[in-house]
Amino acid sequence: MLGFPWESGRQFKRLMTSFPHMSVLGVLLRDRDGGRITIDRQGMPIIDYRISTYDSGHMRRGLREAAQVLLAAGARELFTGHARWVNHKPGGTDTVDDFMRRIDAAGYGPNRMAILTFHQMASCRMGSDPRMAVIDSQNQSHEVRGLFVADASAFPTSSGVNPMLTIMAIAHRAAQAIKDIL
């Protein structure tokens, strides 16, 4: 499973057989520093994202708070989405602070932990100037007439919260524009 650390076949089998008794808690991070996508000479995208020190501090706080929520709910073991096994079993001498030190040691950089993205936002900026924006005020592409963008990529920046209702509103607005030209 994506986000499950691999240490050994035995450890992974234990995780998989425990799956029906697991709860997953995600940390929704509104990263301040973001990343960048450029295009290479062959027209292929190059994605450059490294979580900054500033943003990893927020990730750390989110992981600590998630641990506290799960422990308050009675979790018997916690583990992270790091590439290497980082866990915490409450009740002994191991504290949440110890757990956080192990998380910090495992790191937040590339190939250190699973960082997933949902609802990619702000990659197709809306605006009237085709040099600065991908779509116009009606959600239609400046470059490809008849192509409409109706998702969170039209956002000016990341919202920091689940954008479902706003995406629905954008899709409705784009649908009205499409209806008007048909």
N, C-alpha and C. Protein backbone atom coordinates (compact mmCIF):
# COMPACT_ATOMS: atom_id res chain seq x y z
N MET A 1 0.84 -1.19 0.00
CA MET A 1 0.00 0.00 0.00
C MET A 1 0.88 1.24 0.00
N LEU A 2 0.43 2.22 -0.72
CA LEU A 2 1.13 3.49 -0.78
C LEU A 2 1.19 4.11 0.60
N GLY A 3 2.35 4.54 0.99
CA GLY A 3 2.50 5.17 2.30
C GLY A 3 2.81 4.21 3.43
N PHE A 4 2.83 2.92 3.16
CA PHE A 4 3.21 1.96 4.18
C PHE A 4 4.71 1.73 4.09
N PRO A 5 5.43 1.92 5.16
CA PRO A 5 6.87 1.73 5.12
C PRO A 5 7.23 0.25 4.95
N TRP A 6 8.35 0.00 4.34
CA TRP A 6 8.82 -1.36 4.11
C TRP A 6 10.11 -1.58 4.89
N GLU A 7 10.07 -2.50 5.82
CA GLU A 7 11.27 -2.92 6.53
C GLU A 7 11.58 -4.38 6.22
N SER A 8 10.52 -5.17 6.14
CA SER A 8 10.69 -6.60 5.85
C SER A 8 9.34 -7.17 5.44
N GLY A 9 9.39 -8.36 4.86
CA GLY A 9 8.16 -9.04 4.50
C GLY A 9 7.29 -9.31 5.72
N ARG A 10 7.92 -9.70 6.81
CA ARG A 10 7.19 -10.01 8.05
C ARG A 10 6.48 -8.75 8.59
N GLN A 11 7.20 -7.65 8.63
CA GLN A 11 6.63 -6.40 9.12
C GLN A 11 5.47 -5.96 8.21
N PHE A 12 5.66 -6.07 6.89
CA PHE A 12 4.62 -5.64 5.96
C PHE A 12 3.39 -6.54 6.07
N LYS A 13 3.61 -7.83 6.25
CA LYS A 13 2.48 -8.76 6.42
C LYS A 13 1.71 -8.40 7.69
N ARG A 14 2.42 -8.05 8.76
CA ARG A 14 1.74 -7.65 10.00
C ARG A 14 0.87 -6.41 9.76
N LEU A 15 1.40 -5.45 9.00
CA LEU A 15 0.61 -4.27 8.69
C LEU A 15 -0.62 -4.62 7.87
N MET A 16 -0.45 -5.44 6.86
CA MET A 16 -1.57 -5.79 5.98
C MET A 16 -2.65 -6.58 6.72
N THR A 17 -2.24 -7.48 7.60
CA THR A 17 -3.25 -8.24 8.34
C THR A 17 -3.93 -7.39 9.41
N SER A 18 -3.29 -6.29 9.80
CA SER A 18 -3.89 -5.37 10.77
C SER A 18 -4.75 -4.31 10.10
N PHE A 19 -4.74 -4.26 8.80
CA PHE A 19 -5.42 -3.20 8.06
C PHE A 19 -6.88 -2.99 8.46
N PRO A 20 -7.66 -4.05 8.67
CA PRO A 20 -9.07 -3.82 9.06
C PRO A 20 -9.23 -3.08 10.39
N HIS A 21 -8.18 -3.01 11.16
CA HIS A 21 -8.25 -2.36 12.48
C HIS A 21 -7.48 -1.04 12.51
N MET A 22 -7.17 -0.52 11.34
CA MET A 22 -6.39 0.72 11.26
C MET A 22 -7.28 1.91 10.99
N SER A 23 -6.77 3.04 11.40
CA SER A 23 -7.38 4.32 11.07
C SER A 23 -6.28 5.18 10.47
N VAL A 24 -6.60 5.86 9.40
CA VAL A 24 -5.62 6.72 8.75
C VAL A 24 -6.00 8.17 9.00
N LEU A 25 -5.03 8.93 9.37
CA LEU A 25 -5.25 10.35 9.59
C LEU A 25 -4.25 11.11 8.73
N GLY A 26 -4.76 11.97 7.87
CA GLY A 26 -3.89 12.74 6.99
C GLY A 26 -3.69 14.15 7.51
N VAL A 27 -2.55 14.68 7.22
CA VAL A 27 -2.23 16.06 7.58
C VAL A 27 -2.40 16.90 6.32
N LEU A 28 -3.35 17.82 6.34
CA LEU A 28 -3.57 18.72 5.21
C LEU A 28 -2.69 19.94 5.40
N LEU A 29 -1.71 20.05 4.53
CA LEU A 29 -0.72 21.12 4.64
C LEU A 29 -0.95 22.15 3.54
N ARG A 30 -1.09 23.37 3.94
CA ARG A 30 -1.12 24.46 2.95
C ARG A 30 0.30 25.00 2.87
N ASP A 31 1.04 24.47 1.93
CA ASP A 31 2.44 24.86 1.85
C ASP A 31 2.58 26.30 1.36
N ARG A 32 3.44 27.01 2.01
CA ARG A 32 3.68 28.40 1.66
C ARG A 32 4.61 28.51 0.46
N ASP A 33 5.60 27.64 0.40
CA ASP A 33 6.65 27.82 -0.58
C ASP A 33 6.45 27.05 -1.87
N GLY A 34 5.62 26.01 -1.87
CA GLY A 34 5.24 25.32 -3.08
C GLY A 34 6.36 24.78 -3.92
N GLY A 35 6.05 24.53 -5.17
CA GLY A 35 7.01 23.98 -6.11
C GLY A 35 6.86 24.65 -7.45
N ARG A 36 7.37 23.98 -8.46
CA ARG A 36 7.37 24.59 -9.79
C ARG A 36 7.32 23.48 -10.83
N ILE A 37 6.62 23.74 -11.92
CA ILE A 37 6.59 22.82 -13.06
C ILE A 37 7.09 23.59 -14.26
N THR A 38 8.09 23.03 -14.92
CA THR A 38 8.60 23.61 -16.15
C THR A 38 8.51 22.55 -17.24
N ILE A 39 8.78 22.95 -18.45
CA ILE A 39 8.70 22.05 -19.59
C ILE A 39 10.10 21.90 -20.19
N ASP A 40 10.51 20.64 -20.45
CA ASP A 40 11.83 20.43 -21.04
C ASP A 40 11.77 20.59 -22.57
N ARG A 41 12.89 20.38 -23.22
CA ARG A 41 12.97 20.58 -24.68
C ARG A 41 12.07 19.66 -25.48
N GLN A 42 11.74 18.51 -24.91
CA GLN A 42 10.85 17.57 -25.59
C GLN A 42 9.38 17.84 -25.26
N GLY A 43 9.11 18.89 -24.49
CA GLY A 43 7.74 19.23 -24.13
C GLY A 43 7.22 18.46 -22.93
N MET A 44 8.10 17.77 -22.22
CA MET A 44 7.68 16.98 -21.06
C MET A 44 7.78 17.82 -19.79
N PRO A 45 6.85 17.61 -18.86
CA PRO A 45 6.89 18.39 -17.62
C PRO A 45 8.01 17.94 -16.69
N ILE A 46 8.61 18.91 -16.04
CA ILE A 46 9.62 18.64 -15.01
C ILE A 46 9.06 19.20 -13.71
N ILE A 47 8.84 18.34 -12.73
CA ILE A 47 8.26 18.75 -11.46
C ILE A 47 9.38 18.92 -10.45
N ASP A 48 9.41 20.07 -9.82
CA ASP A 48 10.43 20.35 -8.81
C ASP A 48 9.70 20.77 -7.53
N TYR A 49 9.67 19.87 -6.57
CA TYR A 49 9.03 20.17 -5.29
C TYR A 49 9.91 19.65 -4.17
N ARG A 50 10.29 20.52 -3.31
CA ARG A 50 11.03 20.17 -2.11
C ARG A 50 10.33 20.90 -0.97
N ILE A 51 9.92 20.18 0.04
CA ILE A 51 9.25 20.83 1.15
C ILE A 51 10.27 21.72 1.87
N SER A 52 9.90 22.96 2.07
CA SER A 52 10.82 23.92 2.68
C SER A 52 10.91 23.70 4.19
N THR A 53 11.89 24.32 4.79
CA THR A 53 12.04 24.25 6.24
C THR A 53 10.80 24.81 6.92
N TYR A 54 10.31 25.92 6.39
CA TYR A 54 9.10 26.55 6.94
C TYR A 54 7.91 25.57 6.88
N ASP A 55 7.68 24.99 5.70
CA ASP A 55 6.54 24.09 5.52
C ASP A 55 6.73 22.78 6.28
N SER A 56 7.95 22.29 6.39
CA SER A 56 8.16 21.05 7.15
C SER A 56 7.88 21.28 8.63
N GLY A 57 8.06 22.50 9.11
CA GLY A 57 7.66 22.82 10.49
C GLY A 57 6.16 22.66 10.69
N HIS A 58 5.38 23.08 9.69
CA HIS A 58 3.93 22.88 9.77
C HIS A 58 3.56 21.41 9.64
N MET A 59 4.29 20.69 8.78
CA MET A 59 4.06 19.25 8.66
C MET A 59 4.33 18.57 10.00
N ARG A 60 5.41 18.95 10.64
CA ARG A 60 5.76 18.38 11.93
C ARG A 60 4.65 18.64 12.95
N ARG A 61 4.16 19.86 13.00
CA ARG A 61 3.08 20.18 13.94
C ARG A 61 1.84 19.35 13.63
N GLY A 62 1.51 19.22 12.35
CA GLY A 62 0.36 18.41 11.96
C GLY A 62 0.51 16.96 12.36
N LEU A 63 1.71 16.41 12.20
CA LEU A 63 1.96 15.02 12.60
C LEU A 63 1.84 14.85 14.12
N ARG A 64 2.33 15.82 14.86
CA ARG A 64 2.22 15.76 16.32
C ARG A 64 0.74 15.81 16.74
N GLU A 65 -0.01 16.71 16.16
CA GLU A 65 -1.43 16.84 16.52
C GLU A 65 -2.21 15.59 16.10
N ALA A 66 -1.89 15.04 14.92
CA ALA A 66 -2.54 13.81 14.48
C ALA A 66 -2.24 12.67 15.45
N ALA A 67 -1.00 12.59 15.92
CA ALA A 67 -0.63 11.57 16.91
C ALA A 67 -1.46 11.74 18.18
N GLN A 68 -1.62 12.97 18.63
CA GLN A 68 -2.39 13.23 19.86
C GLN A 68 -3.84 12.81 19.68
N VAL A 69 -4.43 13.09 18.51
CA VAL A 69 -5.81 12.70 18.24
C VAL A 69 -5.95 11.18 18.26
N LEU A 70 -5.04 10.49 17.58
CA LEU A 70 -5.12 9.03 17.53
C LEU A 70 -4.90 8.40 18.90
N LEU A 71 -3.98 8.95 19.67
CA LEU A 71 -3.74 8.42 21.02
C LEU A 71 -4.96 8.66 21.91
N ALA A 72 -5.58 9.82 21.80
CA ALA A 72 -6.78 10.10 22.59
C ALA A 72 -7.92 9.16 22.21
N ALA A 73 -7.92 8.70 20.96
CA ALA A 73 -8.96 7.76 20.51
C ALA A 73 -8.64 6.32 20.89
N GLY A 74 -7.48 6.09 21.51
CA GLY A 74 -7.14 4.75 21.98
C GLY A 74 -6.23 3.95 21.08
N ALA A 75 -5.53 4.60 20.19
CA ALA A 75 -4.61 3.88 19.29
C ALA A 75 -3.58 3.09 20.09
N ARG A 76 -3.31 1.87 19.64
CA ARG A 76 -2.31 1.03 20.29
C ARG A 76 -0.94 1.13 19.66
N GLU A 77 -0.92 1.65 18.44
CA GLU A 77 0.36 1.86 17.76
C GLU A 77 0.15 2.93 16.68
N LEU A 78 1.15 3.76 16.53
CA LEU A 78 1.15 4.77 15.48
C LEU A 78 2.34 4.51 14.57
N PHE A 79 2.18 4.80 13.29
CA PHE A 79 3.32 4.80 12.39
C PHE A 79 3.09 5.84 11.32
N THR A 80 4.17 6.27 10.73
CA THR A 80 4.12 7.34 9.74
C THR A 80 4.22 6.79 8.33
N GLY A 81 4.14 7.69 7.36
CA GLY A 81 4.31 7.33 5.97
C GLY A 81 5.75 7.51 5.50
N HIS A 82 6.69 7.42 6.41
CA HIS A 82 8.10 7.52 6.03
C HIS A 82 8.55 6.26 5.29
N ALA A 83 9.60 6.41 4.52
CA ALA A 83 10.15 5.27 3.79
C ALA A 83 10.70 4.22 4.74
N ARG A 84 11.21 4.66 5.88
CA ARG A 84 11.68 3.70 6.88
C ARG A 84 10.68 3.65 8.02
N TRP A 85 10.70 2.59 8.75
CA TRP A 85 9.73 2.34 9.82
C TRP A 85 9.93 3.32 10.98
N VAL A 86 8.90 4.11 11.25
CA VAL A 86 8.90 5.04 12.37
C VAL A 86 7.58 4.82 13.08
N ASN A 87 7.65 4.28 14.30
CA ASN A 87 6.41 3.98 15.01
C ASN A 87 6.48 4.42 16.47
N HIS A 88 5.31 4.34 17.11
CA HIS A 88 5.19 4.67 18.54
C HIS A 88 4.12 3.76 19.13
N LYS A 89 4.47 3.11 20.24
CA LYS A 89 3.51 2.31 20.99
C LYS A 89 3.34 2.96 22.36
N PRO A 90 2.15 3.50 22.62
CA PRO A 90 1.94 4.17 23.91
C PRO A 90 1.93 3.18 25.06
N GLY A 91 2.14 3.72 26.24
CA GLY A 91 2.04 2.89 27.44
C GLY A 91 3.36 2.57 28.09
N GLY A 92 4.44 2.63 27.35
CA GLY A 92 5.76 2.35 27.92
C GLY A 92 6.48 3.65 28.23
N THR A 93 7.78 3.58 28.12
CA THR A 93 8.58 4.78 28.40
C THR A 93 8.72 5.67 27.16
N ASP A 94 8.34 5.15 26.00
CA ASP A 94 8.42 5.91 24.75
C ASP A 94 7.34 7.00 24.74
N THR A 95 7.76 8.25 24.59
CA THR A 95 6.82 9.37 24.63
C THR A 95 6.56 9.90 23.21
N VAL A 96 5.57 10.76 23.10
CA VAL A 96 5.30 11.41 21.82
C VAL A 96 6.51 12.26 21.40
N ASP A 97 7.19 12.86 22.36
CA ASP A 97 8.39 13.62 22.03
C ASP A 97 9.47 12.71 21.43
N ASP A 98 9.61 11.50 21.97
CA ASP A 98 10.55 10.53 21.40
C ASP A 98 10.13 10.18 19.97
N PHE A 99 8.84 9.96 19.78
CA PHE A 99 8.28 9.65 18.46
C PHE A 99 8.60 10.79 17.48
N MET A 100 8.40 12.02 17.92
CA MET A 100 8.66 13.17 17.06
C MET A 100 10.16 13.28 16.72
N ARG A 101 11.03 12.94 17.64
CA ARG A 101 12.47 12.95 17.36
C ARG A 101 12.81 11.91 16.28
N ARG A 102 12.15 10.76 16.34
CA ARG A 102 12.39 9.74 15.31
C ARG A 102 11.83 10.20 13.96
N ILE A 103 10.70 10.88 13.97
CA ILE A 103 10.13 11.43 12.74
C ILE A 103 11.11 12.44 12.14
N ASP A 104 11.61 13.34 12.98
CA ASP A 104 12.57 14.35 12.51
C ASP A 104 13.82 13.69 11.94
N ALA A 105 14.29 12.63 12.58
CA ALA A 105 15.49 11.93 12.10
C ALA A 105 15.22 11.27 10.74
N ALA A 106 14.01 10.75 10.56
CA ALA A 106 13.66 10.12 9.29
C ALA A 106 13.57 11.17 8.18
N GLY A 107 13.19 12.39 8.52
CA GLY A 107 13.21 13.51 7.58
C GLY A 107 11.93 13.72 6.80
N TYR A 108 11.89 14.87 6.16
CA TYR A 108 10.72 15.29 5.40
C TYR A 108 11.05 15.50 3.92
N GLY A 109 12.27 15.27 3.53
CA GLY A 109 12.71 15.56 2.17
C GLY A 109 12.31 14.49 1.15
N PRO A 110 12.78 14.66 -0.08
CA PRO A 110 12.46 13.72 -1.15
C PRO A 110 12.83 12.29 -0.77
N ASN A 111 11.94 11.39 -1.05
CA ASN A 111 12.11 9.96 -0.80
C ASN A 111 12.24 9.62 0.68
N ARG A 112 11.88 10.53 1.54
CA ARG A 112 11.92 10.29 2.98
C ARG A 112 10.56 9.88 3.51
N MET A 113 9.51 10.55 3.02
CA MET A 113 8.16 10.22 3.47
C MET A 113 7.20 10.44 2.31
N ALA A 114 6.08 9.72 2.37
CA ALA A 114 5.06 9.88 1.34
C ALA A 114 4.34 11.20 1.56
N ILE A 115 4.45 12.07 0.59
CA ILE A 115 3.70 13.31 0.60
C ILE A 115 2.79 13.25 -0.62
N LEU A 116 1.52 13.20 -0.37
CA LEU A 116 0.54 13.05 -1.44
C LEU A 116 -0.14 14.39 -1.71
N THR A 117 -0.64 14.53 -2.89
CA THR A 117 -1.35 15.75 -3.23
C THR A 117 -2.72 15.41 -3.81
N PHE A 118 -3.67 16.17 -3.42
CA PHE A 118 -5.03 16.03 -3.92
C PHE A 118 -5.52 17.41 -4.32
N HIS A 119 -6.42 17.47 -5.23
CA HIS A 119 -7.00 18.75 -5.66
C HIS A 119 -5.89 19.76 -5.97
N GLN A 120 -5.06 19.43 -6.95
CA GLN A 120 -4.00 20.35 -7.31
C GLN A 120 -4.61 21.72 -7.60
N MET A 121 -4.07 22.72 -6.96
CA MET A 121 -4.64 24.04 -7.04
C MET A 121 -3.66 25.02 -7.66
N ALA A 122 -4.22 25.99 -8.37
CA ALA A 122 -3.50 27.16 -8.87
C ALA A 122 -2.52 26.85 -10.01
N SER A 123 -2.76 25.81 -10.77
CA SER A 123 -1.86 25.51 -11.88
C SER A 123 -2.37 26.06 -13.21
N CYS A 124 -3.61 26.54 -13.26
CA CYS A 124 -4.19 27.15 -14.48
C CYS A 124 -4.84 28.47 -14.09
N ARG A 125 -4.03 29.42 -13.75
CA ARG A 125 -4.52 30.72 -13.25
C ARG A 125 -5.57 31.34 -14.18
N MET A 126 -6.57 31.95 -13.58
CA MET A 126 -7.61 32.65 -14.31
C MET A 126 -7.24 34.13 -14.41
N GLY A 127 -7.47 34.72 -15.59
CA GLY A 127 -7.22 36.14 -15.76
C GLY A 127 -7.43 36.56 -17.21
N SER A 128 -7.48 37.85 -17.42
CA SER A 128 -7.76 38.37 -18.76
C SER A 128 -6.52 38.43 -19.65
N ASP A 129 -5.34 38.44 -19.07
CA ASP A 129 -4.09 38.55 -19.84
C ASP A 129 -3.54 37.16 -20.13
N PRO A 130 -3.55 36.73 -21.40
CA PRO A 130 -3.05 35.39 -21.75
C PRO A 130 -1.58 35.16 -21.40
N ARG A 131 -0.81 36.24 -21.23
CA ARG A 131 0.59 36.08 -20.84
C ARG A 131 0.73 35.71 -19.37
N MET A 132 -0.29 36.02 -18.58
CA MET A 132 -0.23 35.79 -17.13
C MET A 132 -1.22 34.73 -16.66
N ALA A 133 -2.14 34.32 -17.52
CA ALA A 133 -3.20 33.40 -17.10
C ALA A 133 -3.46 32.35 -18.17
N VAL A 134 -3.90 31.20 -17.73
CA VAL A 134 -4.20 30.10 -18.65
C VAL A 134 -5.64 30.17 -19.16
N ILE A 135 -6.55 30.58 -18.29
CA ILE A 135 -7.97 30.63 -18.66
C ILE A 135 -8.53 32.04 -18.46
N ASP A 136 -9.62 32.31 -19.19
CA ASP A 136 -10.27 33.62 -19.07
C ASP A 136 -11.32 33.59 -17.96
N SER A 137 -12.05 34.68 -17.81
CA SER A 137 -13.02 34.80 -16.72
C SER A 137 -14.21 33.84 -16.86
N GLN A 138 -14.32 33.20 -18.00
CA GLN A 138 -15.39 32.21 -18.20
C GLN A 138 -14.87 30.78 -18.10
N ASN A 139 -13.64 30.62 -17.61
CA ASN A 139 -12.99 29.31 -17.43
C ASN A 139 -12.52 28.69 -18.74
N GLN A 140 -12.50 29.44 -19.82
CA GLN A 140 -12.09 28.92 -21.12
C GLN A 140 -10.61 29.22 -21.36
N SER A 141 -9.92 28.25 -21.92
CA SER A 141 -8.49 28.39 -22.22
C SER A 141 -8.26 29.55 -23.18
N HIS A 142 -7.22 30.31 -22.91
CA HIS A 142 -6.82 31.38 -23.84
C HIS A 142 -6.27 30.78 -25.13
N GLU A 143 -5.64 29.63 -25.05
CA GLU A 143 -4.96 29.05 -26.21
C GLU A 143 -5.83 28.09 -27.02
N VAL A 144 -6.73 27.37 -26.35
CA VAL A 144 -7.53 26.36 -27.04
C VAL A 144 -9.00 26.70 -26.83
N ARG A 145 -9.61 27.32 -27.82
CA ARG A 145 -11.02 27.69 -27.70
C ARG A 145 -11.86 26.43 -27.55
N GLY A 146 -12.84 26.48 -26.68
CA GLY A 146 -13.70 25.34 -26.43
C GLY A 146 -13.20 24.42 -25.32
N LEU A 147 -12.00 24.72 -24.81
CA LEU A 147 -11.45 23.94 -23.69
C LEU A 147 -11.69 24.73 -22.41
N PHE A 148 -12.41 24.13 -21.49
CA PHE A 148 -12.75 24.78 -20.24
C PHE A 148 -12.10 24.05 -19.07
N VAL A 149 -11.66 24.79 -18.10
CA VAL A 149 -11.06 24.24 -16.89
C VAL A 149 -12.07 24.42 -15.77
N ALA A 150 -12.46 23.32 -15.14
CA ALA A 150 -13.53 23.37 -14.14
C ALA A 150 -13.13 22.64 -12.87
N ASP A 151 -11.93 22.93 -12.38
CA ASP A 151 -11.48 22.28 -11.15
C ASP A 151 -10.63 23.26 -10.34
N ALA A 152 -9.97 22.76 -9.31
CA ALA A 152 -9.21 23.62 -8.40
C ALA A 152 -7.97 24.23 -9.03
N SER A 153 -7.61 23.79 -10.23
CA SER A 153 -6.45 24.41 -10.86
C SER A 153 -6.72 25.87 -11.22
N ALA A 154 -7.98 26.28 -11.26
CA ALA A 154 -8.33 27.68 -11.53
C ALA A 154 -8.16 28.58 -10.31
N PHE A 155 -7.92 28.00 -9.15
CA PHE A 155 -7.72 28.80 -7.94
C PHE A 155 -6.51 29.72 -8.10
N PRO A 156 -6.51 30.87 -7.45
CA PRO A 156 -5.33 31.73 -7.49
C PRO A 156 -4.17 31.19 -6.65
N THR A 157 -4.48 30.40 -5.63
CA THR A 157 -3.48 29.80 -4.75
C THR A 157 -4.14 28.62 -4.02
N SER A 158 -3.38 27.90 -3.25
CA SER A 158 -3.93 26.80 -2.47
C SER A 158 -4.87 27.34 -1.39
N SER A 159 -5.99 26.67 -1.20
CA SER A 159 -6.98 27.14 -0.23
C SER A 159 -6.64 26.72 1.20
N GLY A 160 -5.89 25.63 1.35
CA GLY A 160 -5.54 25.17 2.69
C GLY A 160 -6.62 24.35 3.36
N VAL A 161 -7.75 24.19 2.70
CA VAL A 161 -8.84 23.36 3.22
C VAL A 161 -9.39 22.53 2.06
N ASN A 162 -10.20 21.54 2.38
CA ASN A 162 -10.80 20.73 1.33
C ASN A 162 -11.65 21.64 0.43
N PRO A 163 -11.35 21.67 -0.87
CA PRO A 163 -11.99 22.64 -1.75
C PRO A 163 -13.24 22.13 -2.47
N MET A 164 -13.86 21.06 -1.98
CA MET A 164 -14.94 20.42 -2.71
C MET A 164 -16.05 21.38 -3.12
N LEU A 165 -16.57 22.18 -2.21
CA LEU A 165 -17.69 23.06 -2.55
C LEU A 165 -17.27 24.14 -3.54
N THR A 166 -16.07 24.66 -3.38
CA THR A 166 -15.60 25.68 -4.32
C THR A 166 -15.40 25.07 -5.70
N ILE A 167 -14.89 23.85 -5.77
CA ILE A 167 -14.74 23.18 -7.06
C ILE A 167 -16.10 22.98 -7.72
N MET A 168 -17.07 22.60 -6.92
CA MET A 168 -18.42 22.43 -7.46
C MET A 168 -18.94 23.76 -8.03
N ALA A 169 -18.67 24.86 -7.35
CA ALA A 169 -19.11 26.17 -7.83
C ALA A 169 -18.38 26.54 -9.13
N ILE A 170 -17.08 26.27 -9.19
CA ILE A 170 -16.32 26.54 -10.41
C ILE A 170 -16.86 25.71 -11.57
N ALA A 171 -17.14 24.44 -11.32
CA ALA A 171 -17.67 23.56 -12.36
C ALA A 171 -19.04 24.05 -12.83
N HIS A 172 -19.85 24.50 -11.90
CA HIS A 172 -21.18 25.03 -12.26
C HIS A 172 -21.02 26.28 -13.13
N ARG A 173 -20.13 27.15 -12.73
CA ARG A 173 -19.88 28.39 -13.48
C ARG A 173 -19.39 28.07 -14.89
N ALA A 174 -18.45 27.14 -14.99
CA ALA A 174 -17.94 26.75 -16.31
C ALA A 174 -19.04 26.12 -17.14
N ALA A 175 -19.90 25.33 -16.52
CA ALA A 175 -21.02 24.70 -17.24
C ALA A 175 -21.96 25.76 -17.80
N GLN A 176 -22.17 26.83 -17.06
CA GLN A 176 -23.04 27.91 -17.54
C GLN A 176 -22.40 28.59 -18.76
N ALA A 177 -21.09 28.78 -18.72
CA ALA A 177 -20.40 29.39 -19.86
C ALA A 177 -20.46 28.48 -21.08
N ILE A 178 -20.29 27.19 -20.87
CA ILE A 178 -20.38 26.22 -21.97
C ILE A 178 -21.79 26.23 -22.55
N LYS A 179 -22.80 26.24 -21.67
CA LYS A 179 -24.19 26.27 -22.11
C LYS A 179 -24.47 27.50 -22.96
N ASP A 180 -23.90 28.63 -22.57
CA ASP A 180 -24.14 29.88 -23.29
C ASP A 180 -23.55 29.87 -24.70
N ILE A 181 -22.46 29.13 -24.92
CA ILE A 181 -21.87 29.13 -26.26
C ILE A 181 -22.43 28.01 -27.14
N LEU A 182 -23.17 27.07 -26.56
CA LEU A 182 -23.73 25.97 -27.38
C LEU A 182 -24.96 26.35 -28.12
